[in-house]
Structure formats: structure tokens, C-alpha cells
C-alpha atoms as a PDB file:
ATOM      1  CA  MET A   1      16.384  20.273 -11.242  1.00  0.00           C
ATOM      2  CA  THR A   2      14.282  23.376 -10.787  1.00  0.00           C
ATOM      3  CA  ALA A   3      11.672  23.879  -8.092  1.00  0.00           C
ATOM      4  CA  SER A   4       8.881  23.547 -10.647  1.00  0.00           C
ATOM      5  CA  THR A   5       9.987  20.025 -11.622  1.00  0.00           C
ATOM      6  CA  PHE A   6      10.616  18.706  -8.113  1.00  0.00           C
ATOM      7  CA  LEU A   7       8.196  15.971  -7.071  1.00  0.00           C
ATOM      8  CA  PHE A   8       7.798  14.573  -3.569  1.00  0.00           C
ATOM      9  CA  ALA A   9       6.072  11.204  -3.430  1.00  0.00           C
ATOM     10  CA  THR A  10       5.501   8.630  -0.756  1.00  0.00           C
ATOM     11  CA  GLY A  11       3.926   5.206  -0.593  1.00  0.00           C
ATOM     12  CA  ILE A  12       1.621   3.085   1.505  1.00  0.00           C
ATOM     13  CA  GLU A  13       3.533   0.155   3.009  1.00  0.00           C
ATOM     14  CA  ASN A  14       2.128  -2.893   1.329  1.00  0.00           C
ATOM     15  CA  SER A  15       4.578  -5.687   1.934  1.00  0.00           C
ATOM     16  CA  TYR A  16       3.215  -9.166   2.443  1.00  0.00           C
ATOM     17  CA  PRO A  17       6.199 -11.197   3.642  1.00  0.00           C
ATOM     18  CA  THR A  18       5.928 -14.813   4.632  1.00  0.00           C
ATOM     19  CA  ILE A  19       7.453 -16.441   7.697  1.00  0.00           C
ATOM     20  CA  ASN A  20       7.624 -20.004   8.996  1.00  0.00           C
ATOM     21  CA  GLY A  21       9.048 -21.269   5.721  1.00  0.00           C
ATOM     22  CA  GLY A  22       6.318 -19.564   3.694  1.00  0.00           C
ATOM     23  CA  ARG A  23       3.431 -21.025   5.693  1.00  0.00           C
ATOM     24  CA  THR A  24       2.387 -17.742   7.364  1.00  0.00           C
ATOM     25  CA  ARG A  25       1.817 -14.469   5.499  1.00  0.00           C
ATOM     26  CA  ILE A  26       2.058 -11.108   7.286  1.00  0.00           C
ATOM     27  CA  ASP A  27      -0.256  -8.505   5.725  1.00  0.00           C
ATOM     28  CA  GLU A  28       1.319  -5.166   6.692  1.00  0.00           C
ATOM     29  CA  MET A  29      -1.734  -3.178   5.524  1.00  0.00           C
ATOM     30  CA  GLU A  30      -3.995  -5.218   7.778  1.00  0.00           C
ATOM     31  CA  LYS A  31      -1.501  -5.073  10.649  1.00  0.00           C
ATOM     32  CA  CYS A  32      -1.433  -1.253  10.637  1.00  0.00           C
ATOM     33  CA  GLY A  33      -5.234  -0.909  10.243  1.00  0.00           C
ATOM     34  CA  HIS A  34      -5.158   0.523   6.711  1.00  0.00           C
ATOM     35  CA  TYR A  35      -8.111  -1.542   5.456  1.00  0.00           C
ATOM     36  CA  THR A  36     -10.270   0.052   8.144  1.00  0.00           C
ATOM     37  CA  LEU A  37      -8.656   3.524   8.102  1.00  0.00           C
ATOM     38  CA  TRP A  38      -7.959   3.939   4.380  1.00  0.00           C
ATOM     39  CA  LYS A  39     -10.109   7.058   3.994  1.00  0.00           C
ATOM     40  CA  THR A  40      -8.427   8.725   6.970  1.00  0.00           C
ATOM     41  CA  ASP A  41      -5.016   7.722   5.578  1.00  0.00           C
ATOM     42  CA  PHE A  42      -5.807   9.405   2.247  1.00  0.00           C
ATOM     43  CA  ASP A  43      -7.259  12.488   3.971  1.00  0.00           C
ATOM     44  CA  LEU A  44      -4.029  12.825   5.974  1.00  0.00           C
ATOM     45  CA  LEU A  45      -1.964  12.686   2.777  1.00  0.00           C
ATOM     46  CA  ASP A  46      -4.038  15.539   1.400  1.00  0.00           C
ATOM     47  CA  GLU A  47      -3.678  17.460   4.665  1.00  0.00           C
ATOM     48  CA  VAL A  48       0.131  17.411   4.489  1.00  0.00           C
ATOM     49  CA  GLY A  49       0.144  18.235   0.770  1.00  0.00           C
ATOM     50  CA  ILE A  50       1.218  14.915  -0.711  1.00  0.00           C
ATOM     51  CA  ARG A  51      -0.217  14.696  -4.211  1.00  0.00           C
ATOM     52  CA  TYR A  52       1.543  11.581  -5.560  1.00  0.00           C
ATOM     53  CA  LEU A  53       1.344   8.186  -3.937  1.00  0.00           C
ATOM     54  CA  ARG A  54       2.725   4.734  -4.691  1.00  0.00           C
ATOM     55  CA  TYR A  55      -0.121   2.420  -3.809  1.00  0.00           C
ATOM     56  CA  GLY A  56      -0.190  -1.230  -4.858  1.00  0.00           C
ATOM     57  CA  PRO A  57      -2.960  -3.775  -4.552  1.00  0.00           C
ATOM     58  CA  PRO A  58      -2.704  -6.560  -1.975  1.00  0.00           C
ATOM     59  CA  ILE A  59      -1.560  -9.139  -4.510  1.00  0.00           C
ATOM     60  CA  HIS A  60      -2.164 -12.101  -2.194  1.00  0.00           C
ATOM     61  CA  THR A  61      -5.890 -11.272  -2.080  1.00  0.00           C
ATOM     62  CA  THR A  62      -6.122  -9.993  -5.667  1.00  0.00           C
ATOM     63  CA  TRP A  63      -4.453 -12.874  -7.499  1.00  0.00           C
ATOM     64  CA  LEU A  64      -6.318 -16.012  -6.493  1.00  0.00           C
ATOM     65  CA  GLY A  65      -4.527 -18.393  -8.825  1.00  0.00           C
ATOM     66  CA  GLN A  66      -3.785 -18.981 -12.488  1.00  0.00           C
ATOM     67  CA  GLU A  67      -6.243 -16.893 -14.555  1.00  0.00           C
ATOM     68  CA  ARG A  68      -8.226 -16.052 -11.364  1.00  0.00           C
ATOM     69  CA  TYR A  69      -8.367 -12.511  -9.966  1.00  0.00           C
ATOM     70  CA  ASP A  70     -10.596 -10.742  -7.452  1.00  0.00           C
END
């Protein structure tokens, strides 16, 4: 691999595990304040030179049920 083809990427933690036998969901993006600080988070990525980001939607709030999406 040459320097011109090297790519450094990172991702926003977006796990949504459940505990208590699936009765309680932990939203890691909410827990770390990303929903409030998302613009700052993206500005910081730009500041350190990260140009590629793995960023998934919060599926538990996006997929509301069969054939229902927000």
C-alpha cells in the first residue's frame, strides 16, 4: 500500500445494547451526549483531519416497526 492509497477512518460509537433480559436499552450516543454535541463532534473530526467516518443511524429510533420508519 502506498501513502497515496492509505485511508484512516474512525466511527461514532452507536451501539444500543439491551440489558435486563432485553427490557432496558442503553443508547450509547445519548449517554455520551452526542445528540446534543453532534456539531462539535463533527467539528473536532475536521480539526484532527479525519475525512472518513462510519456513522450509523440510531436504528431503535429510526425503525418503528414493520413498514414504519422515522
